[in-house]
Amino acid sequence: MDAQTPDFAWRTASGGFSGLVRVITGQQVSIAAAAAIWARLEAGLGGAVTADAVAALGVAGLRALGLSAPKARYVRAIADAHLCGAINLEALSALDDAAAAEVLCGLTGVGRWTADIYLMFCEGRRDAFPAGDLALQEGLRMAEGGAKRPSERELLARAELWRPYRGVAAHLIWAYYGAMRKRPGVPLPVLEAT
């Protein structure tokens, strides 16, 4: 990688129900859009994103606060699972990465990217690796000077070399990608699914 890669902080977030809802809020939107939606959601739920508050508000209320229809359904389904005891997010820390990801992926609206982001940011797991992240794929392409962004499968295979610190590698690649985007004359890629 380029010597211009800046220092980076390990990104962390609160876990549990609110942490997972925050990750879902950030699915397929920019960081700025996710932050704005999260602020409206938090304010609309009285300052605390809890399963009880989500259940009381319902899908229509969540949509009124800025969640898309699918995300509102996902958040409500996770609240229901939490309230009936079908999921205990606090118990995930006792599981290894693969088992924890499998539990998370069993929830409505949670795919592998969401599970890995949750495990990485909310639980601080150093080997969680969201290979489906387009900025991560593009960052590696830029770092290596490749002509084509690696696919999720290609990036996941490449990341095997970085075990058990794939999450650390992800943070470094994101930092590099962010620094390169700020450089004058560096063309900004279109981050659409390939």
N, C-alpha and C. Protein backbone atom coordinates (compact mmCIF):
# COMPACT_ATOMS: atom_id res chain seq x y z
N MET A 1 0.83 -1.19 0.00
CA MET A 1 0.00 0.00 0.00
C MET A 1 0.87 1.24 0.00
N ASP A 2 0.29 2.31 -0.38
CA ASP A 2 0.94 3.60 -0.49
C ASP A 2 1.39 4.09 0.89
N ALA A 3 2.52 4.76 0.93
CA ALA A 3 3.04 5.30 2.18
C ALA A 3 2.16 6.42 2.73
N GLN A 4 1.19 6.87 1.95
CA GLN A 4 0.32 7.97 2.38
C GLN A 4 -0.87 7.50 3.20
N THR A 5 -0.99 6.21 3.45
CA THR A 5 -2.12 5.72 4.24
C THR A 5 -2.07 6.34 5.63
N PRO A 6 -3.14 6.98 6.04
CA PRO A 6 -3.13 7.67 7.34
C PRO A 6 -3.28 6.69 8.49
N ASP A 7 -2.96 7.17 9.69
CA ASP A 7 -3.26 6.39 10.88
C ASP A 7 -4.77 6.21 10.92
N PHE A 8 -5.20 5.14 11.53
CA PHE A 8 -6.64 4.92 11.63
C PHE A 8 -7.00 4.42 13.01
N ALA A 9 -8.19 4.78 13.43
CA ALA A 9 -8.70 4.31 14.71
C ALA A 9 -9.59 3.10 14.46
N TRP A 10 -9.58 2.18 15.40
CA TRP A 10 -10.48 1.03 15.30
C TRP A 10 -11.88 1.54 15.57
N ARG A 11 -12.75 1.40 14.57
CA ARG A 11 -14.12 1.89 14.71
C ARG A 11 -14.90 0.95 15.60
N THR A 12 -15.56 1.54 16.58
CA THR A 12 -16.39 0.75 17.48
C THR A 12 -17.76 1.40 17.60
N ALA A 13 -18.71 0.60 18.00
CA ALA A 13 -20.07 1.09 18.21
C ALA A 13 -20.69 0.27 19.33
N SER A 14 -21.75 0.78 19.89
CA SER A 14 -22.48 0.03 20.90
C SER A 14 -23.09 -1.20 20.26
N GLY A 15 -23.18 -2.26 21.03
CA GLY A 15 -23.75 -3.51 20.53
C GLY A 15 -25.20 -3.68 20.95
N GLY A 16 -25.60 -4.92 21.08
CA GLY A 16 -26.96 -5.24 21.48
C GLY A 16 -27.97 -4.87 20.42
N PHE A 17 -29.21 -4.73 20.84
CA PHE A 17 -30.29 -4.44 19.92
C PHE A 17 -30.06 -3.14 19.16
N SER A 18 -29.74 -2.06 19.88
CA SER A 18 -29.56 -0.77 19.19
C SER A 18 -28.38 -0.82 18.23
N GLY A 19 -27.33 -1.52 18.58
CA GLY A 19 -26.19 -1.65 17.68
C GLY A 19 -26.55 -2.34 16.38
N LEU A 20 -27.33 -3.42 16.48
CA LEU A 20 -27.73 -4.13 15.27
C LEU A 20 -28.67 -3.27 14.43
N VAL A 21 -29.57 -2.55 15.06
CA VAL A 21 -30.47 -1.66 14.32
C VAL A 21 -29.66 -0.58 13.61
N ARG A 22 -28.63 -0.09 14.27
CA ARG A 22 -27.80 0.95 13.64
C ARG A 22 -27.08 0.41 12.40
N VAL A 23 -26.61 -0.83 12.47
CA VAL A 23 -25.96 -1.44 11.31
C VAL A 23 -26.97 -1.60 10.18
N ILE A 24 -28.17 -2.03 10.50
CA ILE A 24 -29.21 -2.18 9.47
C ILE A 24 -29.54 -0.83 8.85
N THR A 25 -29.58 0.20 9.67
CA THR A 25 -29.83 1.55 9.16
C THR A 25 -28.78 1.94 8.12
N GLY A 26 -27.56 1.46 8.29
CA GLY A 26 -26.48 1.80 7.39
C GLY A 26 -26.34 0.92 6.16
N GLN A 27 -27.21 -0.06 6.02
CA GLN A 27 -27.13 -0.94 4.85
C GLN A 27 -27.37 -0.15 3.57
N GLN A 28 -26.47 -0.27 2.62
CA GLN A 28 -26.61 0.24 1.26
C GLN A 28 -26.89 1.74 1.16
N VAL A 29 -26.41 2.50 2.15
CA VAL A 29 -26.50 3.96 2.07
C VAL A 29 -25.15 4.54 2.50
N SER A 30 -24.94 5.79 2.19
CA SER A 30 -23.69 6.44 2.58
C SER A 30 -23.63 6.59 4.10
N ILE A 31 -22.44 6.82 4.59
CA ILE A 31 -22.26 7.04 6.03
C ILE A 31 -23.06 8.26 6.49
N ALA A 32 -23.06 9.32 5.67
CA ALA A 32 -23.80 10.54 6.03
C ALA A 32 -25.31 10.28 6.07
N ALA A 33 -25.82 9.55 5.09
CA ALA A 33 -27.25 9.24 5.07
C ALA A 33 -27.62 8.37 6.26
N ALA A 34 -26.79 7.38 6.56
CA ALA A 34 -27.05 6.50 7.70
C ALA A 34 -27.08 7.29 9.00
N ALA A 35 -26.16 8.23 9.15
CA ALA A 35 -26.11 9.05 10.38
C ALA A 35 -27.37 9.90 10.51
N ALA A 36 -27.83 10.46 9.41
CA ALA A 36 -29.05 11.29 9.44
C ALA A 36 -30.27 10.46 9.79
N ILE A 37 -30.39 9.30 9.17
CA ILE A 37 -31.53 8.42 9.46
C ILE A 37 -31.48 7.96 10.91
N TRP A 38 -30.30 7.60 11.37
CA TRP A 38 -30.14 7.14 12.76
C TRP A 38 -30.55 8.25 13.74
N ALA A 39 -30.14 9.47 13.48
CA ALA A 39 -30.48 10.59 14.37
C ALA A 39 -32.00 10.77 14.44
N ARG A 40 -32.68 10.68 13.28
CA ARG A 40 -34.15 10.80 13.28
C ARG A 40 -34.79 9.64 14.04
N LEU A 41 -34.26 8.45 13.85
CA LEU A 41 -34.80 7.27 14.52
C LEU A 41 -34.63 7.39 16.03
N GLU A 42 -33.43 7.75 16.44
CA GLU A 42 -33.15 7.89 17.87
C GLU A 42 -34.05 8.95 18.50
N ALA A 43 -34.18 10.09 17.84
CA ALA A 43 -35.03 11.17 18.37
C ALA A 43 -36.50 10.73 18.40
N GLY A 44 -36.93 10.06 17.34
CA GLY A 44 -38.32 9.62 17.27
C GLY A 44 -38.68 8.55 18.27
N LEU A 45 -37.67 7.83 18.75
CA LEU A 45 -37.91 6.79 19.76
C LEU A 45 -37.59 7.28 21.17
N GLY A 46 -37.49 8.59 21.32
CA GLY A 46 -37.29 9.16 22.64
C GLY A 46 -35.86 9.12 23.13
N GLY A 47 -34.91 8.99 22.21
CA GLY A 47 -33.50 9.02 22.60
C GLY A 47 -32.87 7.66 22.79
N ALA A 48 -33.66 6.60 22.85
CA ALA A 48 -33.09 5.25 23.03
C ALA A 48 -33.77 4.29 22.06
N VAL A 49 -32.97 3.61 21.28
CA VAL A 49 -33.50 2.62 20.33
C VAL A 49 -33.55 1.28 21.05
N THR A 50 -34.75 0.96 21.53
CA THR A 50 -34.96 -0.30 22.24
C THR A 50 -36.00 -1.13 21.51
N ALA A 51 -36.00 -2.42 21.80
CA ALA A 51 -36.98 -3.30 21.18
C ALA A 51 -38.41 -2.91 21.58
N ASP A 52 -38.59 -2.52 22.81
CA ASP A 52 -39.92 -2.09 23.26
C ASP A 52 -40.40 -0.86 22.51
N ALA A 53 -39.51 0.12 22.34
CA ALA A 53 -39.88 1.35 21.63
C ALA A 53 -40.19 1.07 20.17
N VAL A 54 -39.41 0.20 19.53
CA VAL A 54 -39.65 -0.16 18.13
C VAL A 54 -40.99 -0.87 18.00
N ALA A 55 -41.27 -1.81 18.89
CA ALA A 55 -42.53 -2.56 18.83
C ALA A 55 -43.72 -1.62 19.01
N ALA A 56 -43.58 -0.64 19.90
CA ALA A 56 -44.68 0.30 20.14
C ALA A 56 -44.91 1.19 18.93
N LEU A 57 -43.84 1.53 18.22
CA LEU A 57 -43.95 2.42 17.07
C LEU A 57 -44.48 1.70 15.84
N GLY A 58 -44.06 0.48 15.63
CA GLY A 58 -44.52 -0.29 14.48
C GLY A 58 -43.83 0.10 13.18
N VAL A 59 -44.11 -0.66 12.14
CA VAL A 59 -43.48 -0.46 10.83
C VAL A 59 -43.80 0.91 10.26
N ALA A 60 -45.06 1.32 10.31
CA ALA A 60 -45.44 2.63 9.75
C ALA A 60 -44.72 3.76 10.48
N GLY A 61 -44.61 3.66 11.78
CA GLY A 61 -43.91 4.68 12.54
C GLY A 61 -42.42 4.73 12.22
N LEU A 62 -41.82 3.55 12.01
CA LEU A 62 -40.41 3.49 11.63
C LEU A 62 -40.19 4.12 10.25
N ARG A 63 -41.11 3.86 9.35
CA ARG A 63 -41.02 4.46 8.01
C ARG A 63 -41.12 5.97 8.09
N ALA A 64 -41.99 6.47 8.96
CA ALA A 64 -42.15 7.91 9.11
C ALA A 64 -40.87 8.57 9.64
N LEU A 65 -40.02 7.78 10.30
CA LEU A 65 -38.76 8.30 10.82
C LEU A 65 -37.61 8.17 9.82
N GLY A 66 -37.89 7.64 8.63
CA GLY A 66 -36.87 7.62 7.58
C GLY A 66 -36.38 6.26 7.15
N LEU A 67 -36.83 5.19 7.80
CA LEU A 67 -36.41 3.86 7.35
C LEU A 67 -37.19 3.47 6.10
N SER A 68 -36.53 2.80 5.19
CA SER A 68 -37.23 2.27 4.01
C SER A 68 -38.20 1.19 4.49
N ALA A 69 -39.13 0.83 3.63
CA ALA A 69 -40.11 -0.21 4.00
C ALA A 69 -39.42 -1.52 4.39
N PRO A 70 -38.45 -2.02 3.59
CA PRO A 70 -37.79 -3.27 4.01
C PRO A 70 -37.06 -3.12 5.34
N LYS A 71 -36.32 -2.03 5.52
CA LYS A 71 -35.58 -1.85 6.78
C LYS A 71 -36.53 -1.73 7.97
N ALA A 72 -37.64 -1.07 7.79
CA ALA A 72 -38.63 -0.97 8.87
C ALA A 72 -39.14 -2.35 9.25
N ARG A 73 -39.39 -3.19 8.25
CA ARG A 73 -39.84 -4.57 8.53
C ARG A 73 -38.75 -5.36 9.23
N TYR A 74 -37.50 -5.20 8.79
CA TYR A 74 -36.39 -5.92 9.40
C TYR A 74 -36.24 -5.53 10.87
N VAL A 75 -36.25 -4.23 11.13
CA VAL A 75 -36.07 -3.74 12.49
C VAL A 75 -37.21 -4.23 13.38
N ARG A 76 -38.42 -4.20 12.87
CA ARG A 76 -39.55 -4.69 13.65
C ARG A 76 -39.43 -6.19 13.92
N ALA A 77 -39.02 -6.96 12.92
CA ALA A 77 -38.85 -8.41 13.10
C ALA A 77 -37.77 -8.71 14.13
N ILE A 78 -36.69 -7.95 14.11
CA ILE A 78 -35.61 -8.16 15.09
C ILE A 78 -36.08 -7.77 16.49
N ALA A 79 -36.88 -6.71 16.59
CA ALA A 79 -37.45 -6.33 17.88
C ALA A 79 -38.34 -7.45 18.41
N ASP A 80 -39.17 -8.01 17.55
CA ASP A 80 -40.04 -9.11 17.97
C ASP A 80 -39.22 -10.31 18.42
N ALA A 81 -38.17 -10.65 17.67
CA ALA A 81 -37.31 -11.77 18.04
C ALA A 81 -36.62 -11.52 19.38
N HIS A 82 -36.20 -10.29 19.59
CA HIS A 82 -35.56 -9.92 20.85
C HIS A 82 -36.55 -10.02 22.02
N LEU A 83 -37.74 -9.48 21.81
CA LEU A 83 -38.72 -9.45 22.89
C LEU A 83 -39.24 -10.83 23.27
N CYS A 84 -39.32 -11.75 22.29
CA CYS A 84 -39.81 -13.09 22.62
C CYS A 84 -38.68 -14.03 23.02
N GLY A 85 -37.45 -13.53 23.04
CA GLY A 85 -36.32 -14.35 23.48
C GLY A 85 -35.73 -15.25 22.41
N ALA A 86 -36.14 -15.07 21.16
CA ALA A 86 -35.60 -15.88 20.06
C ALA A 86 -34.14 -15.53 19.75
N ILE A 87 -33.73 -14.32 20.13
CA ILE A 87 -32.34 -13.90 19.93
C ILE A 87 -31.84 -13.21 21.19
N ASN A 88 -30.63 -13.53 21.57
CA ASN A 88 -29.97 -12.87 22.69
C ASN A 88 -28.64 -12.35 22.17
N LEU A 89 -28.62 -11.10 21.76
CA LEU A 89 -27.42 -10.52 21.17
C LEU A 89 -26.26 -10.45 22.15
N GLU A 90 -26.55 -10.35 23.42
CA GLU A 90 -25.48 -10.30 24.42
C GLU A 90 -24.76 -11.65 24.52
N ALA A 91 -25.43 -12.74 24.17
CA ALA A 91 -24.83 -14.08 24.25
C ALA A 91 -23.91 -14.38 23.08
N LEU A 92 -23.91 -13.53 22.05
CA LEU A 92 -23.06 -13.78 20.88
C LEU A 92 -21.58 -13.82 21.25
N SER A 93 -21.19 -13.08 22.25
CA SER A 93 -19.77 -13.00 22.61
C SER A 93 -19.22 -14.35 23.05
N ALA A 94 -20.07 -15.27 23.44
CA ALA A 94 -19.62 -16.60 23.84
C ALA A 94 -19.39 -17.52 22.64
N LEU A 95 -19.80 -17.07 21.46
CA LEU A 95 -19.68 -17.89 20.25
C LEU A 95 -18.46 -17.48 19.43
N ASP A 96 -17.93 -18.42 18.66
CA ASP A 96 -16.85 -18.05 17.74
C ASP A 96 -17.45 -17.24 16.59
N ASP A 97 -16.60 -16.66 15.77
CA ASP A 97 -17.06 -15.75 14.71
C ASP A 97 -18.06 -16.41 13.77
N ALA A 98 -17.77 -17.63 13.33
CA ALA A 98 -18.65 -18.30 12.37
C ALA A 98 -20.02 -18.59 12.99
N ALA A 99 -20.03 -19.06 14.23
CA ALA A 99 -21.31 -19.37 14.89
C ALA A 99 -22.10 -18.09 15.16
N ALA A 100 -21.42 -17.04 15.57
CA ALA A 100 -22.11 -15.77 15.82
C ALA A 100 -22.70 -15.21 14.53
N ALA A 101 -21.95 -15.28 13.44
CA ALA A 101 -22.45 -14.81 12.15
C ALA A 101 -23.67 -15.63 11.71
N GLU A 102 -23.62 -16.93 11.95
CA GLU A 102 -24.75 -17.78 11.58
C GLU A 102 -26.02 -17.42 12.36
N VAL A 103 -25.87 -17.14 13.64
CA VAL A 103 -27.02 -16.72 14.45
C VAL A 103 -27.58 -15.41 13.91
N LEU A 104 -26.72 -14.46 13.64
CA LEU A 104 -27.17 -13.17 13.13
C LEU A 104 -27.85 -13.32 11.77
N CYS A 105 -27.27 -14.13 10.90
CA CYS A 105 -27.84 -14.31 9.55
C CYS A 105 -29.19 -15.03 9.59
N GLY A 106 -29.51 -15.63 10.72
CA GLY A 106 -30.82 -16.25 10.88
C GLY A 106 -31.93 -15.24 11.15
N LEU A 107 -31.56 -13.99 11.37
CA LEU A 107 -32.55 -12.93 11.62
C LEU A 107 -33.00 -12.31 10.30
N THR A 108 -34.25 -11.94 10.24
CA THR A 108 -34.80 -11.26 9.07
C THR A 108 -34.02 -9.97 8.83
N GLY A 109 -33.54 -9.80 7.59
CA GLY A 109 -32.85 -8.57 7.22
C GLY A 109 -31.37 -8.56 7.49
N VAL A 110 -30.84 -9.65 8.04
CA VAL A 110 -29.41 -9.71 8.34
C VAL A 110 -28.74 -10.70 7.39
N GLY A 111 -27.89 -10.15 6.53
CA GLY A 111 -27.07 -10.98 5.65
C GLY A 111 -25.64 -10.98 6.15
N ARG A 112 -24.77 -11.53 5.36
CA ARG A 112 -23.38 -11.69 5.79
C ARG A 112 -22.68 -10.35 6.03
N TRP A 113 -22.92 -9.35 5.15
CA TRP A 113 -22.30 -8.04 5.35
C TRP A 113 -22.71 -7.46 6.70
N THR A 114 -24.01 -7.48 6.98
CA THR A 114 -24.53 -6.92 8.23
C THR A 114 -23.95 -7.67 9.43
N ALA A 115 -23.92 -8.99 9.34
CA ALA A 115 -23.36 -9.78 10.45
C ALA A 115 -21.90 -9.44 10.68
N ASP A 116 -21.12 -9.38 9.61
CA ASP A 116 -19.69 -9.08 9.77
C ASP A 116 -19.46 -7.66 10.30
N ILE A 117 -20.22 -6.70 9.80
CA ILE A 117 -20.08 -5.33 10.29
C ILE A 117 -20.43 -5.27 11.79
N TYR A 118 -21.52 -5.94 12.18
CA TYR A 118 -21.90 -5.96 13.59
C TYR A 118 -20.79 -6.58 14.45
N LEU A 119 -20.31 -7.73 14.02
CA LEU A 119 -19.27 -8.42 14.79
C LEU A 119 -17.99 -7.59 14.88
N MET A 120 -17.67 -6.92 13.80
CA MET A 120 -16.46 -6.11 13.76
C MET A 120 -16.58 -4.85 14.61
N PHE A 121 -17.63 -4.08 14.40
CA PHE A 121 -17.76 -2.79 15.08
C PHE A 121 -18.37 -2.89 16.47
N CYS A 122 -19.38 -3.72 16.64
CA CYS A 122 -20.10 -3.77 17.92
C CYS A 122 -19.49 -4.75 18.91
N GLU A 123 -18.77 -5.75 18.41
CA GLU A 123 -18.14 -6.71 19.32
C GLU A 123 -16.62 -6.64 19.26
N GLY A 124 -16.08 -5.81 18.38
CA GLY A 124 -14.63 -5.65 18.30
C GLY A 124 -13.88 -6.87 17.84
N ARG A 125 -14.52 -7.71 17.05
CA ARG A 125 -13.86 -8.94 16.59
C ARG A 125 -12.85 -8.59 15.50
N ARG A 126 -11.64 -9.06 15.67
CA ARG A 126 -10.53 -8.70 14.79
C ARG A 126 -10.49 -9.50 13.49
N ASP A 127 -11.26 -10.59 13.39
CA ASP A 127 -11.20 -11.40 12.18
C ASP A 127 -12.48 -11.33 11.35
N ALA A 128 -13.49 -10.61 11.81
CA ALA A 128 -14.70 -10.43 10.99
C ALA A 128 -14.29 -9.65 9.74
N PHE A 129 -14.84 -10.05 8.60
CA PHE A 129 -14.39 -9.43 7.35
C PHE A 129 -15.55 -9.31 6.38
N PRO A 130 -16.07 -8.09 6.18
CA PRO A 130 -17.22 -7.88 5.29
C PRO A 130 -16.80 -7.80 3.82
N ALA A 131 -16.48 -8.94 3.23
CA ALA A 131 -15.95 -8.98 1.86
C ALA A 131 -16.92 -8.41 0.83
N GLY A 132 -18.20 -8.31 1.16
CA GLY A 132 -19.18 -7.75 0.24
C GLY A 132 -19.21 -6.23 0.23
N ASP A 133 -18.40 -5.60 1.05
CA ASP A 133 -18.37 -4.14 1.14
C ASP A 133 -17.69 -3.55 -0.10
N LEU A 134 -18.42 -2.74 -0.84
CA LEU A 134 -17.90 -2.20 -2.10
C LEU A 134 -16.71 -1.27 -1.90
N ALA A 135 -16.72 -0.47 -0.83
CA ALA A 135 -15.58 0.41 -0.58
C ALA A 135 -14.33 -0.41 -0.24
N LEU A 136 -14.52 -1.52 0.44
CA LEU A 136 -13.40 -2.40 0.76
C LEU A 136 -12.84 -3.03 -0.52
N GLN A 137 -13.72 -3.48 -1.39
CA GLN A 137 -13.30 -4.06 -2.67
C GLN A 137 -12.55 -3.02 -3.50
N GLU A 138 -13.12 -1.83 -3.59
CA GLU A 138 -12.50 -0.77 -4.39
C GLU A 138 -11.19 -0.31 -3.76
N GLY A 139 -11.13 -0.24 -2.44
CA GLY A 139 -9.90 0.15 -1.78
C GLY A 139 -8.76 -0.81 -2.08
N LEU A 140 -9.04 -2.10 -2.08
CA LEU A 140 -7.99 -3.06 -2.41
C LEU A 140 -7.58 -2.93 -3.88
N ARG A 141 -8.56 -2.71 -4.74
CA ARG A 141 -8.24 -2.52 -6.16
C ARG A 141 -7.30 -1.32 -6.33
N MET A 142 -7.63 -0.23 -5.66
CA MET A 142 -6.81 0.97 -5.76
C MET A 142 -5.41 0.72 -5.19
N ALA A 143 -5.34 0.05 -4.06
CA ALA A 143 -4.05 -0.20 -3.42
C ALA A 143 -3.14 -1.06 -4.28
N GLU A 144 -3.74 -2.01 -4.97
CA GLU A 144 -2.95 -2.92 -5.79
C GLU A 144 -2.80 -2.44 -7.23
N GLY A 145 -3.51 -1.37 -7.59
CA GLY A 145 -3.42 -0.83 -8.94
C GLY A 145 -4.11 -1.70 -9.98
N GLY A 146 -5.07 -2.48 -9.54
CA GLY A 146 -5.79 -3.36 -10.46
C GLY A 146 -6.75 -2.61 -11.35
N ALA A 147 -7.09 -3.21 -12.47
CA ALA A 147 -8.03 -2.61 -13.41
C ALA A 147 -9.47 -2.92 -13.03
N LYS A 148 -9.68 -4.00 -12.30
CA LYS A 148 -11.03 -4.45 -11.98
C LYS A 148 -11.16 -4.66 -10.48
N ARG A 149 -12.27 -4.18 -9.94
CA ARG A 149 -12.55 -4.37 -8.52
C ARG A 149 -12.76 -5.86 -8.25
N PRO A 150 -12.15 -6.43 -7.18
CA PRO A 150 -12.37 -7.84 -6.90
C PRO A 150 -13.81 -8.09 -6.46
N SER A 151 -14.34 -9.23 -6.81
CA SER A 151 -15.67 -9.61 -6.37
C SER A 151 -15.62 -9.99 -4.89
N GLU A 152 -16.78 -10.16 -4.30
CA GLU A 152 -16.85 -10.58 -2.90
C GLU A 152 -16.10 -11.89 -2.71
N ARG A 153 -16.33 -12.84 -3.60
CA ARG A 153 -15.67 -14.14 -3.50
C ARG A 153 -14.15 -14.00 -3.64
N GLU A 154 -13.71 -13.19 -4.60
CA GLU A 154 -12.27 -12.99 -4.79
C GLU A 154 -11.62 -12.32 -3.59
N LEU A 155 -12.32 -11.32 -3.03
CA LEU A 155 -11.77 -10.62 -1.87
C LEU A 155 -11.73 -11.55 -0.65
N LEU A 156 -12.75 -12.34 -0.48
CA LEU A 156 -12.78 -13.29 0.64
C LEU A 156 -11.63 -14.29 0.53
N ALA A 157 -11.38 -14.80 -0.67
CA ALA A 157 -10.27 -15.73 -0.87
C ALA A 157 -8.93 -15.05 -0.57
N ARG A 158 -8.79 -13.83 -1.05
CA ARG A 158 -7.55 -13.07 -0.81
C ARG A 158 -7.34 -12.83 0.67
N ALA A 159 -8.41 -12.55 1.39
CA ALA A 159 -8.33 -12.22 2.81
C ALA A 159 -7.94 -13.42 3.68
N GLU A 160 -8.02 -14.61 3.15
CA GLU A 160 -7.59 -15.78 3.92
C GLU A 160 -6.15 -15.64 4.37
N LEU A 161 -5.33 -14.96 3.58
CA LEU A 161 -3.92 -14.75 3.94
C LEU A 161 -3.78 -13.87 5.19
N TRP A 162 -4.81 -13.11 5.52
CA TRP A 162 -4.74 -12.14 6.60
C TRP A 162 -5.31 -12.68 7.92
N ARG A 163 -5.83 -13.91 7.92
CA ARG A 163 -6.36 -14.48 9.16
C ARG A 163 -5.27 -14.52 10.22
N PRO A 164 -5.56 -14.30 11.45
CA PRO A 164 -6.82 -13.99 12.11
C PRO A 164 -7.06 -12.49 12.31
N TYR A 165 -6.52 -11.69 11.40
CA TYR A 165 -6.64 -10.23 11.54
C TYR A 165 -7.28 -9.60 10.31
N ARG A 166 -8.25 -10.25 9.72
CA ARG A 166 -8.89 -9.71 8.53
C ARG A 166 -9.62 -8.41 8.82
N GLY A 167 -10.19 -8.27 10.01
CA GLY A 167 -10.85 -7.03 10.38
C GLY A 167 -9.88 -5.86 10.46
N VAL A 168 -8.69 -6.13 10.93
CA VAL A 168 -7.66 -5.10 10.98
C VAL A 168 -7.29 -4.69 9.55
N ALA A 169 -7.16 -5.67 8.67
CA ALA A 169 -6.86 -5.38 7.27
C ALA A 169 -7.98 -4.53 6.65
N ALA A 170 -9.23 -4.85 7.00
CA ALA A 170 -10.36 -4.08 6.48
C ALA A 170 -10.26 -2.61 6.90
N HIS A 171 -9.94 -2.38 8.16
CA HIS A 171 -9.80 -1.00 8.62
C HIS A 171 -8.69 -0.26 7.88
N LEU A 172 -7.59 -0.94 7.65
CA LEU A 172 -6.48 -0.34 6.93
C LEU A 172 -6.87 -0.01 5.49
N ILE A 173 -7.55 -0.94 4.83
CA ILE A 173 -7.99 -0.71 3.45
C ILE A 173 -9.00 0.43 3.38
N TRP A 174 -9.94 0.48 4.33
CA TRP A 174 -10.90 1.59 4.35
C TRP A 174 -10.18 2.92 4.54
N ALA A 175 -9.18 2.95 5.43
CA ALA A 175 -8.43 4.20 5.65
C ALA A 175 -7.71 4.61 4.37
N TYR A 176 -7.11 3.66 3.70
CA TYR A 176 -6.42 3.95 2.44
C TYR A 176 -7.41 4.47 1.40
N TYR A 177 -8.54 3.81 1.27
CA TYR A 177 -9.58 4.22 0.32
C TYR A 177 -10.03 5.65 0.62
N GLY A 178 -10.27 5.94 1.88
CA GLY A 178 -10.70 7.29 2.27
C GLY A 178 -9.65 8.34 1.95
N ALA A 179 -8.38 8.01 2.20
CA ALA A 179 -7.30 8.95 1.91
C ALA A 179 -7.16 9.18 0.41
N MET A 180 -7.28 8.12 -0.37
CA MET A 180 -7.14 8.24 -1.82
C MET A 180 -8.29 9.05 -2.42
N ARG A 181 -9.47 8.92 -1.89
CA ARG A 181 -10.63 9.67 -2.40
C ARG A 181 -10.46 11.17 -2.20
N LYS A 182 -9.66 11.55 -1.22
CA LYS A 182 -9.45 12.97 -0.92
C LYS A 182 -8.34 13.59 -1.76
N ARG A 183 -7.59 12.76 -2.44
CA ARG A 183 -6.48 13.27 -3.24
C ARG A 183 -6.98 13.93 -4.52
N PRO A 184 -6.42 15.08 -4.87
CA PRO A 184 -6.81 15.71 -6.13
C PRO A 184 -6.37 14.84 -7.31
N GLY A 185 -7.21 14.78 -8.30
CA GLY A 185 -6.88 14.05 -9.52
C GLY A 185 -7.15 12.56 -9.47
N VAL A 186 -7.59 12.04 -8.32
CA VAL A 186 -7.92 10.62 -8.23
C VAL A 186 -9.39 10.48 -8.61
N PRO A 187 -9.68 9.76 -9.70
CA PRO A 187 -11.08 9.62 -10.11
C PRO A 187 -11.86 8.81 -9.09
N LEU A 188 -13.07 9.26 -8.82
CA LEU A 188 -13.93 8.55 -7.88
C LEU A 188 -14.69 7.46 -8.61
N PRO A 189 -14.57 6.23 -8.13
CA PRO A 189 -15.28 5.13 -8.78
C PRO A 189 -16.76 5.17 -8.45
N VAL A 190 -17.53 4.57 -9.30
CA VAL A 190 -18.96 4.39 -9.03
C VAL A 190 -19.08 3.10 -8.26
N LEU A 191 -19.58 3.17 -7.03
CA LEU A 191 -19.69 1.98 -6.20
C LEU A 191 -21.07 1.35 -6.36
N GLU A 192 -21.20 0.59 -7.41
CA GLU A 192 -22.43 -0.15 -7.65
C GLU A 192 -22.07 -1.62 -7.63
N ALA A 193 -23.03 -2.45 -7.27
CA ALA A 193 -22.78 -3.89 -7.24
C ALA A 193 -22.37 -4.37 -8.62
N THR A 194 -21.42 -5.29 -8.64
CA THR A 194 -20.96 -5.83 -9.91
C THR A 194 -21.66 -7.12 -10.24
